[in-house]
Protein backbone atom coordinates (compact mmCIF):
# COMPACT_ATOMS: atom_id res chain seq x y z
CA MET A 1 20.83 -21.96 -14.31
CA SER A 2 20.65 -24.42 -17.11
CA PRO A 3 17.68 -26.87 -16.84
CA MET A 4 17.97 -29.92 -19.20
CA GLU A 5 14.37 -31.27 -19.15
CA ARG A 6 11.10 -30.30 -19.87
CA LEU A 7 9.62 -27.74 -17.46
CA VAL A 8 6.13 -29.32 -17.04
CA ALA A 9 3.76 -30.25 -14.33
CA GLY A 10 4.63 -33.36 -12.27
CA GLY A 11 7.99 -32.56 -10.59
CA ALA A 12 10.42 -30.84 -12.96
CA ALA A 13 8.71 -27.48 -12.98
CA GLU A 14 8.02 -27.60 -9.17
CA ALA A 15 11.61 -28.40 -8.57
CA PHE A 16 12.95 -25.81 -10.82
CA GLU A 17 10.52 -23.14 -8.96
CA ARG A 18 11.95 -24.32 -5.55
CA GLN A 19 15.52 -23.94 -6.75
CA VAL A 20 14.90 -20.50 -8.15
CA GLN A 21 13.22 -19.25 -4.93
CA GLN A 22 16.22 -20.94 -2.95
CA LEU A 23 18.74 -19.04 -4.93
CA PHE A 24 17.05 -15.67 -4.22
CA ARG A 25 16.83 -16.52 -0.54
CA SER A 26 20.39 -17.39 -0.40
CA GLY A 27 21.26 -13.83 -1.43
CA TYR A 28 21.53 -14.07 -5.36
CA ARG A 29 19.71 -11.15 -7.08
CA HIS A 30 20.48 -11.51 -10.90
CA LEU A 31 19.78 -14.81 -12.47
CA VAL A 32 20.20 -16.05 -16.10
CA VAL A 33 18.11 -19.12 -17.11
CA ASP A 34 19.69 -20.92 -20.02
CA LEU A 35 16.75 -22.43 -21.91
CA SER A 36 18.65 -24.15 -24.60
CA GLY A 37 18.12 -27.67 -23.07
CA VAL A 38 14.36 -27.02 -22.20
CA PRO A 39 12.38 -28.79 -25.22
CA ALA A 40 8.95 -28.03 -23.83
CA LEU A 41 7.16 -25.65 -21.37
CA ASP A 42 3.62 -25.81 -19.91
CA SER A 43 1.64 -23.86 -17.49
CA ALA A 44 3.59 -24.91 -14.44
CA GLY A 45 6.70 -24.10 -16.17
CA ILE A 46 5.39 -20.64 -16.89
CA ARG A 47 4.04 -20.20 -13.30
CA ALA A 48 7.62 -20.94 -12.08
CA LEU A 49 9.15 -18.38 -14.38
CA VAL A 50 6.55 -15.83 -13.48
CA ARG A 51 6.99 -16.39 -9.76
CA GLY A 52 10.85 -16.00 -10.16
CA HIS A 53 10.39 -12.73 -12.00
CA THR A 54 8.07 -11.34 -9.40
CA THR A 55 10.50 -12.38 -6.67
CA ALA A 56 13.34 -10.79 -8.44
CA GLN A 57 11.50 -7.49 -8.76
CA ARG A 58 10.62 -7.78 -5.20
CA VAL A 59 14.19 -8.16 -3.89
CA GLY A 60 15.62 -5.59 -6.43
CA GLY A 61 16.96 -8.37 -8.79
CA THR A 62 16.48 -9.62 -12.27
CA LEU A 63 15.51 -12.96 -14.03
CA ARG A 64 16.76 -13.09 -17.63
CA LEU A 65 15.87 -15.82 -20.15
CA ALA A 66 18.56 -16.95 -22.73
CA ALA A 67 18.69 -19.23 -25.78
CA ALA A 68 15.03 -20.41 -25.64
CA ARG A 69 14.00 -22.75 -28.31
CA PRO A 70 11.34 -21.87 -30.86
CA ASP A 71 8.60 -23.99 -29.09
CA VAL A 72 9.47 -22.46 -25.77
CA ARG A 73 9.25 -18.88 -27.47
CA ARG A 74 5.96 -19.78 -29.07
CA VAL A 75 4.47 -20.75 -25.63
CA LEU A 76 5.67 -17.45 -24.12
CA GLU A 77 4.09 -15.50 -26.94
CA LEU A 78 0.86 -17.34 -26.64
CA ALA A 79 0.77 -16.58 -22.98
CA HIS A 80 1.39 -12.95 -23.65
CA LEU A 81 4.72 -13.07 -21.65
CA ALA A 82 7.26 -12.56 -24.32
CA SER A 83 7.30 -8.69 -23.50
CA VAL A 84 7.46 -9.29 -19.69
CA PHE A 85 10.55 -11.32 -19.51
CA ASP A 86 13.89 -9.98 -20.73
CA THR A 87 14.93 -12.65 -23.37
CA TYR A 88 18.32 -12.90 -25.19
CA ASP A 89 19.53 -15.06 -27.92
CA THR A 90 22.64 -16.19 -26.11
CA VAL A 91 23.85 -16.74 -22.58
CA ASP A 92 26.75 -14.29 -23.13
CA ALA A 93 24.32 -11.64 -24.12
CA ALA A 94 22.25 -12.02 -21.08
CA ARG A 95 25.30 -12.00 -18.71
CA ILE A 96 26.44 -8.76 -20.46
CA ALA A 97 23.04 -7.29 -19.96
CA ALA A 98 23.23 -8.18 -16.24
CA TRP A 99 26.18 -5.82 -15.76
CA PRO A 100 25.31 -2.78 -13.68
CA TRP A 101 25.19 -0.45 -16.72
CA ARG A 102 23.22 2.18 -14.73
CA ILE A 103 25.95 2.51 -12.00
CA ILE A 104 28.66 2.49 -14.77
CA GLY A 105 27.00 5.11 -16.77
CA ILE A 106 26.42 7.32 -13.49
CA ALA A 107 30.19 6.87 -12.58
CA ALA A 108 31.37 7.77 -15.94
CA ALA A 109 29.19 10.75 -16.18
CA GLY A 110 29.90 11.92 -12.83
CA ALA A 111 33.69 11.67 -13.18
CA ALA A 112 33.48 13.56 -16.63
CA LEU A 113 31.20 16.41 -15.02
CA CYS A 114 33.46 16.95 -11.93
CA THR A 115 36.71 16.84 -13.98
CA ALA A 116 35.26 19.30 -16.51
CA LEU A 117 34.22 21.63 -13.78
CA VAL A 118 37.57 21.53 -11.97
CA VAL A 119 39.62 22.12 -15.21
CA ALA A 120 37.24 24.99 -16.20
CA GLY A 121 37.46 26.54 -12.69
CA LEU A 122 41.13 26.33 -12.65
CA LYS A 123 41.78 27.63 -16.25
CA TRP A 124 39.18 30.38 -16.42
CA PRO A 125 38.60 31.39 -12.60
CA VAL A 126 37.66 35.14 -13.40
CA GLU A 127 35.96 34.68 -16.87
CA LEU A 128 33.41 32.25 -15.31
CA THR A 129 32.31 34.98 -12.81
CA GLY A 130 31.14 37.17 -15.77
CA LEU A 131 33.74 39.81 -15.28
CA SER A 132 35.44 41.50 -18.25
CA THR A 133 39.23 41.94 -18.70
CA GLU A 134 38.92 45.62 -17.34
CA ALA A 135 37.18 44.27 -14.26
CA GLU A 136 39.81 41.77 -13.62
CA GLU A 137 42.48 44.51 -13.95
CA LEU A 138 40.53 46.65 -11.35
CA LEU A 139 40.13 43.85 -9.09
CA THR A 140 43.84 42.51 -9.21
CA SER A 141 45.17 46.28 -8.89
CA GLY A 142 43.04 46.91 -5.87
CA LYS A 143 41.89 50.28 -7.38
CA LYS A 144 38.32 51.52 -7.12
CA GLY A 145 36.69 52.40 -10.43
CA SER A 146 34.57 55.43 -10.41
CA ALA A 147 32.02 53.63 -12.69
CA ALA A 148 30.46 50.31 -12.31
CA ILE A 149 32.69 47.37 -12.98
CA PRO A 150 32.23 46.23 -16.56
CA LEU A 151 31.04 42.77 -17.20
CA HIS A 152 31.99 40.24 -19.82
CA PRO A 153 30.16 40.67 -23.28
CA PHE A 154 28.79 37.19 -23.08
CA GLN A 155 27.55 37.44 -19.49
CA PRO A 156 23.94 36.15 -20.10
CA PHE A 157 25.21 32.90 -21.94
CA LEU A 158 27.66 32.35 -18.83
CA GLU A 159 24.65 32.80 -16.58
CA LEU A 160 22.91 30.14 -18.58
CA LEU A 161 25.86 27.96 -18.50
CA LYS A 162 25.85 28.14 -14.64
CA LEU A 163 22.18 27.16 -14.46
CA VAL A 164 22.86 24.18 -16.91
CA VAL A 165 25.80 23.09 -14.70
CA ALA A 166 23.65 23.33 -11.53
CA ALA A 167 21.00 21.26 -13.07
CA LEU A 168 23.58 18.53 -14.09
CA ILE A 169 24.88 18.47 -10.45
CA GLY A 170 21.44 18.19 -9.18
CA LEU A 171 20.74 15.22 -11.60
CA LEU A 172 24.07 13.56 -10.59
CA VAL A 173 23.59 13.79 -6.97
CA THR A 174 19.87 12.53 -7.35
CA ALA A 175 20.94 9.69 -9.20
CA VAL A 176 23.47 8.65 -6.52
CA HIS A 177 21.18 9.45 -3.74
CA GLN A 178 17.56 7.88 -3.95
CA PRO A 179 15.14 9.44 -1.35
CA ALA A 180 13.94 7.35 1.42
CA ALA A 181 10.19 7.98 0.87
CA ARG A 182 9.54 5.56 -2.01
CA ASP A 183 6.06 6.61 -2.56
CA ARG A 184 7.21 10.35 -3.04
CA SER A 185 10.52 9.69 -4.82
CA ARG A 186 9.83 11.44 -8.18
CA SER A 187 8.58 14.69 -6.61
CA MET A 188 11.55 14.42 -4.08
CA GLU A 189 14.06 13.79 -7.05
CA GLN A 190 12.57 16.65 -8.94
CA ALA A 191 12.93 18.94 -5.77
CA GLN A 192 16.55 17.98 -5.38
CA THR A 193 17.48 19.09 -8.77
CA LEU A 194 15.41 22.12 -8.80
CA LEU A 195 16.66 23.28 -5.54
CA CYS A 196 20.28 23.20 -6.87
CA VAL A 197 19.16 25.36 -9.75
CA SER A 198 17.32 27.58 -7.59
CA GLY A 199 20.60 28.14 -5.54
CA ALA A 200 22.65 28.99 -8.52
CA MET A 201 19.66 31.44 -9.78
CA MET A 202 19.60 33.27 -6.50
CA MET A 203 23.37 33.92 -6.55
CA ILE A 204 23.03 35.15 -10.24
CA ILE A 205 20.36 37.58 -9.25
CA ILE A 206 21.90 38.87 -6.00
CA GLY A 207 25.37 39.35 -7.67
CA ASN A 208 27.15 41.86 -5.31
CA SER A 209 24.07 43.68 -4.31
CA LEU A 210 23.05 43.62 -0.67
CA ALA A 211 19.70 45.10 -1.27
CA ARG A 212 18.89 42.13 -3.57
CA ALA A 213 20.07 39.66 -0.94
CA PHE A 214 17.56 41.18 1.62
CA GLY A 215 14.78 41.15 -1.05
CA ILE A 216 15.29 37.45 -1.98
CA ALA A 217 15.29 36.64 1.86
CA GLY A 218 12.09 38.48 2.37
CA ALA A 219 10.45 36.74 -0.53
CA ALA A 220 11.73 33.28 0.56
CA SER A 221 10.13 33.90 4.05
CA ILE A 222 6.60 33.95 2.46
CA ILE A 223 7.00 30.43 1.14
CA ARG A 224 5.90 27.60 3.42
CA PHE A 225 6.73 24.03 2.57
CA ARG A 226 4.23 21.55 4.14
CA THR A 227 5.52 18.43 2.65
CA PRO A 228 7.11 16.40 5.56
CA VAL A 229 10.62 14.74 4.88
CA ASP A 230 10.76 11.41 6.65
CA ASP A 231 14.51 10.95 6.35
CA PRO A 232 16.92 13.52 8.02
CA LYS A 233 19.45 12.51 5.24
CA ASP A 234 17.16 13.88 2.76
CA VAL A 235 16.93 17.24 4.29
CA THR A 236 20.80 17.35 4.59
CA ILE A 237 21.09 16.58 0.91
CA LEU A 238 18.74 19.46 0.10
CA PHE A 239 20.89 21.92 2.01
CA LEU A 240 24.14 20.53 0.38
CA LEU A 241 22.59 20.79 -3.13
CA MET A 242 21.51 24.49 -2.35
CA GLY A 243 25.25 25.12 -1.43
CA LEU A 244 26.49 23.37 -4.56
CA GLY A 245 24.03 25.54 -6.60
CA MET A 246 25.16 28.73 -5.09
CA SER A 247 28.79 27.89 -5.93
CA CYS A 248 27.78 27.49 -9.47
CA GLY A 249 25.94 30.85 -9.43
CA LEU A 250 29.11 32.35 -8.22
CA GLY A 251 31.24 30.74 -11.09
CA ALA A 252 33.26 28.78 -8.67
CA PHE A 253 33.18 25.68 -10.74
CA ALA A 254 36.17 24.13 -9.41
CA VAL A 255 34.70 24.17 -5.97
CA ALA A 256 31.35 22.86 -7.37
CA GLY A 257 33.11 20.05 -9.11
CA LEU A 258 34.99 19.05 -6.17
CA GLY A 259 32.15 19.31 -3.76
CA THR A 260 30.10 17.29 -6.09
CA ALA A 261 32.64 14.48 -6.29
CA PHE A 262 33.03 14.47 -2.53
CA LEU A 263 29.29 14.40 -1.88
CA CYS A 264 28.88 11.50 -4.21
CA VAL A 265 31.60 9.43 -2.86
CA ALA A 266 30.49 10.10 0.67
CA LEU A 267 26.78 9.10 -0.23
CA VAL A 268 28.11 5.73 -1.71
CA ALA A 269 30.23 5.19 1.34
CA LEU A 270 27.44 5.85 3.82
CA ASP A 271 25.08 3.52 1.83
CA ARG A 272 27.52 0.66 2.02
CA VAL A 273 28.24 1.07 5.67
CA SER A 274 24.32 1.50 6.53
CA ALA A 275 23.66 -1.55 4.39
CA GLN A 276 25.83 -3.86 6.64
CA ARG A 277 23.99 -2.99 9.70
CA ALA A 278 21.24 -5.22 10.95
CA ARG A 279 17.58 -3.90 10.82
CA VAL A 280 15.73 -4.31 14.07
CA MET A 281 11.98 -5.27 13.50
CA SER A 282 9.15 -6.60 15.55
CA VAL A 283 6.84 -9.18 13.80
CA GLU A 284 3.55 -10.39 15.07
CA ILE A 285 2.37 -13.85 13.67
CA LEU A 286 -1.15 -15.16 13.89
CA ALA A 287 -1.76 -18.92 13.27
CA ALA A 288 -4.93 -20.77 13.19
CA GLY A 289 -5.93 -23.06 15.95
CA ARG A 290 -4.19 -23.52 19.25
CA GLN A 291 -0.99 -25.19 17.78
CA PHE A 292 1.57 -22.58 16.79
CA PRO A 293 3.79 -23.74 13.87
CA THR A 294 7.10 -22.92 15.77
CA THR A 295 9.26 -25.33 13.66
CA HIS A 296 8.14 -23.64 10.39
CA VAL A 297 8.63 -20.16 11.48
CA GLU A 298 12.02 -20.72 12.98
CA ASN A 299 13.12 -22.56 9.79
CA VAL A 300 12.01 -19.60 7.68
CA PHE A 301 14.06 -17.36 9.89
CA ALA A 302 16.92 -19.59 9.78
CA ARG A 303 17.12 -19.90 5.98
CA ASN A 304 17.10 -16.15 5.75
CA GLN A 305 19.78 -15.72 8.39
CA ILE A 306 17.40 -13.90 10.90
CA VAL A 307 18.36 -13.66 14.46
CA PHE A 308 15.04 -13.84 16.53
CA GLU A 309 13.88 -13.82 20.00
CA PRO A 310 10.25 -14.57 21.02
CA ARG A 311 8.72 -11.96 23.29
CA GLU A 312 4.91 -12.40 23.60
CA ILE A 313 2.53 -15.29 23.31
CA SER A 314 -1.27 -14.92 23.37
CA GLN A 315 -3.85 -17.61 22.83
CA ALA A 316 -7.52 -17.65 22.36
CA ASP A 317 -9.30 -19.26 19.32
CA ASP A 318 -6.01 -18.46 17.43
CA VAL A 319 -2.52 -18.29 18.85
CA THR A 320 -0.47 -15.21 18.32
CA VAL A 321 3.35 -15.02 18.91
CA LYS A 322 5.48 -11.88 18.60
CA TYR A 323 9.02 -12.06 17.84
CA HIS A 324 11.88 -9.57 18.18
CA THR A 325 14.12 -9.89 15.01
CA TRP A 326 17.43 -8.73 13.55
CA LEU A 327 17.75 -8.98 9.86
CA ASP A 328 19.65 -7.59 6.82
CA ALA A 329 18.41 -4.22 5.77
CA ARG A 330 18.29 -5.83 2.11
CA THR A 331 15.89 -8.42 3.20
CA SER A 332 12.34 -8.11 1.59
CA LEU A 333 9.55 -8.19 4.47
CA GLU A 334 7.15 -9.00 1.83
CA GLU A 335 9.09 -11.97 0.75
CA LEU A 336 9.46 -13.15 4.33
CA SER A 337 5.63 -12.86 4.87
CA VAL A 338 4.99 -15.03 1.75
CA GLN A 339 7.47 -17.62 3.32
CA LEU A 340 5.76 -17.49 6.60
CA MET A 341 2.30 -17.80 5.13
CA ALA A 342 2.77 -20.99 3.21
CA ASP A 343 -0.27 -23.01 2.45
CA SER A 344 0.64 -25.92 4.78
CA ALA A 345 2.03 -23.75 7.67
CA GLY A 346 -1.31 -22.39 9.07
CA VAL A 347 -0.21 -18.86 9.47
CA LYS A 348 -3.11 -16.48 8.91
CA SER A 349 -1.48 -13.22 9.01
CA VAL A 350 2.11 -11.56 9.53
CA ALA A 351 2.54 -7.94 10.64
CA TRP A 352 5.96 -6.13 10.74
CA GLU A 353 6.59 -2.98 12.59
CA HIS A 354 9.47 -1.02 14.25
CA PRO A 355 9.89 -2.01 17.92
CA LYS A 356 8.89 0.84 20.24
CA ARG A 357 11.61 2.71 22.13
CA GLU A 358 11.79 1.95 25.95
CA ARG A 359 11.76 4.90 28.06
CA VAL A 360 14.43 5.18 30.64
């Protein structure tokens, strides 16, 4: 966007705000505002930028400011907003910053980690299990040694390497898969990483001892997890991370690398497929008075490409209408509520909920 006039009250700032909001409603998520043609900015212009910034955060996007003049920069500094907005000297710098660097970094780190694990597992298949050369000869010859199988002299460091690899795999999968429960996302992310490490630790402790395996199983039965997991997908990820950690503990780095790569690709593919499915929601709209603003509500639904069907109407001092809607899974319900509760619409409240399943 390149406004070429003063963003002040009286028409220009209001028109700019409407344009920004319309772009976000149309599906745009990352906007760059070229302020090189804006000679002045007042409270109305600041309000337009602030509302655009909050809308971008609500829909998971960004609003970046580029090439602002000294007078405009001074206004933003006086309003203590210079640190709130992402500002850049040129439009090209703002566009480069808008690239999905986090996704690029995760993809590069994941590819490097999985490739290194596969190469290490194929090149040193026995050394990574902690066995010495004599132990390898005993295993390949099929002879049973009278003494215990000798281990590699650097076995403690190899075990530490397995734990580090398990932690890296847990961090990679956690970066690709974000837990569904956003209010508990930090604890869930930590649990995913630590569970992968715990799988490696258990396999290192067990080794080839059946007694240790039963001991760990008995100790694990004492633990009770009372934190519910809302999404079954999160539970499945936990089991898969436990399996990847166990493969690291066994020293099967090639299997761990290929399994991690497959799991990350599968998660990305599943997220893309699920994002294309429509989300079914029931919305109850309460309007003041006896006249329901049907035209306004249906226009909001149409602008956001929402398929709707009126279900229930109740009227007393106020009128309430319940709609059955089908909308994009990425659509912000909070943003829709703001649009529905516009000042001139007369809508008092908006309540979204998942429709109840009908029993057959």
